[in-house]
Amino acid sequence: VIECEVSFLMSQYEFSLQQEVLMEKGASVLGDLFRYQQKNKNSDSAQSISVLYSLIWSAKQDILVAKSESDLDRIEGQFTLADQFLNEIKVGANA
């Protein structure tokens, strides 16, 4: 019984750590989007960046209400996709 409780506490602790890491990743993505948006207010991608910023903001808020690792995996995927999208826009703008 004690072993089961320790295992449960560890998995809750690990889940909380994963949430914390995702909060930081989300903040980083939002910061990158904000800086890009400020530099490129009048570009063709401005509307896309605004929409993406809103989606990532919402996903970041979902971290704290996530109930499972699959929820966190989905959110992390959204952050990764946003990061890749922004990098592609930056590359395209420099071409």
Protein backbone atom coordinates (compact mmCIF):
# COMPACT_ATOMS: atom_id res chain seq x y z
CA VAL A 1 0.00 0.00 0.00
CA ILE A 2 2.80 2.42 0.88
CA GLU A 3 4.58 1.60 -2.38
CA CYS A 4 1.42 2.41 -4.31
CA GLU A 5 1.04 5.76 -2.49
CA VAL A 6 4.66 6.69 -3.20
CA SER A 7 4.21 5.78 -6.86
CA PHE A 8 1.02 7.87 -7.05
CA LEU A 9 2.72 10.86 -5.40
CA MET A 10 5.69 10.58 -7.75
CA SER A 11 3.47 10.48 -10.81
CA GLN A 12 1.56 13.52 -9.55
CA TYR A 13 4.86 15.28 -8.93
CA GLU A 14 6.14 14.37 -12.39
CA PHE A 15 2.86 15.56 -13.94
CA SER A 16 3.22 18.90 -12.11
CA LEU A 17 6.79 19.22 -13.35
CA GLN A 18 5.65 18.54 -16.89
CA GLN A 19 3.01 21.26 -16.51
CA GLU A 20 5.66 23.70 -15.26
CA VAL A 21 7.95 22.95 -18.20
CA LEU A 22 5.07 23.49 -20.62
CA MET A 23 4.17 26.80 -18.95
CA GLU A 24 7.73 27.97 -19.62
CA LYS A 25 7.66 26.70 -23.21
CA GLY A 26 4.33 28.44 -23.79
CA ALA A 27 5.68 31.69 -22.38
CA SER A 28 8.68 31.42 -24.68
CA VAL A 29 6.51 30.85 -27.76
CA LEU A 30 4.22 33.75 -26.80
CA GLY A 31 7.25 35.99 -26.33
CA ASP A 32 8.62 35.06 -29.75
CA LEU A 33 5.22 35.67 -31.36
CA PHE A 34 4.84 39.02 -29.59
CA ARG A 35 8.29 40.22 -30.66
CA TYR A 36 7.69 39.14 -34.25
CA GLN A 37 4.28 40.84 -34.22
CA GLN A 38 5.77 44.10 -32.95
CA LYS A 39 8.46 44.13 -35.66
CA ASN A 40 6.09 43.19 -38.48
CA LYS A 41 2.83 45.00 -37.70
CA ASN A 42 2.07 45.80 -41.33
CA SER A 43 3.23 42.57 -42.96
CA ASP A 44 1.05 40.06 -44.77
CA SER A 45 1.49 37.63 -41.88
CA ALA A 46 0.25 40.02 -39.17
CA GLN A 47 -3.27 38.57 -39.07
CA SER A 48 -1.95 34.99 -38.98
CA ILE A 49 0.35 35.86 -36.11
CA SER A 50 -2.51 37.44 -34.16
CA VAL A 51 -4.64 34.33 -34.57
CA LEU A 52 -1.74 32.08 -33.63
CA TYR A 53 -1.00 34.20 -30.55
CA SER A 54 -4.61 33.79 -29.38
CA LEU A 55 -4.51 30.03 -29.93
CA ILE A 56 -1.25 29.65 -28.01
CA TRP A 57 -2.52 31.87 -25.19
CA SER A 58 -5.56 29.61 -24.88
CA ALA A 59 -3.43 26.46 -24.98
CA LYS A 60 -1.19 27.87 -22.25
CA GLN A 61 -4.23 28.41 -20.03
CA ASP A 62 -5.30 24.80 -20.69
CA ILE A 63 -2.11 23.49 -19.07
CA LEU A 64 -3.38 24.04 -15.55
CA VAL A 65 -6.70 22.29 -16.19
CA ALA A 66 -5.11 19.35 -18.02
CA LYS A 67 -6.09 16.00 -16.56
CA SER A 68 -3.77 13.63 -18.39
CA GLU A 69 -0.41 13.32 -20.08
CA SER A 70 -2.19 13.13 -23.43
CA ASP A 71 -3.68 16.58 -22.73
CA LEU A 72 -0.18 17.89 -22.07
CA ASP A 73 1.16 16.15 -25.18
CA ARG A 74 -1.53 17.84 -27.28
CA ILE A 75 -0.65 21.25 -25.83
CA GLU A 76 3.05 20.67 -26.39
CA GLY A 77 2.27 19.78 -30.00
CA GLN A 78 0.48 23.10 -30.42
CA PHE A 79 3.50 24.96 -29.04
CA THR A 80 5.84 23.06 -31.35
CA LEU A 81 3.64 23.74 -34.37
CA ALA A 82 3.46 27.46 -33.56
CA ASP A 83 7.22 27.60 -33.16
CA GLN A 84 7.75 25.87 -36.51
CA PHE A 85 5.21 28.13 -38.21
CA LEU A 86 6.93 31.25 -36.88
CA ASN A 87 10.34 29.98 -37.98
CA GLU A 88 9.00 29.33 -41.49
CA ILE A 89 7.55 32.84 -41.69
CA LYS A 90 10.88 34.30 -40.57
CA VAL A 91 12.76 32.26 -43.19
CA GLY A 92 10.28 33.31 -45.89
CA ALA A 93 10.61 36.96 -44.93
CA ASN A 94 14.39 36.75 -45.24
CA ALA A 95 14.33 35.02 -48.63
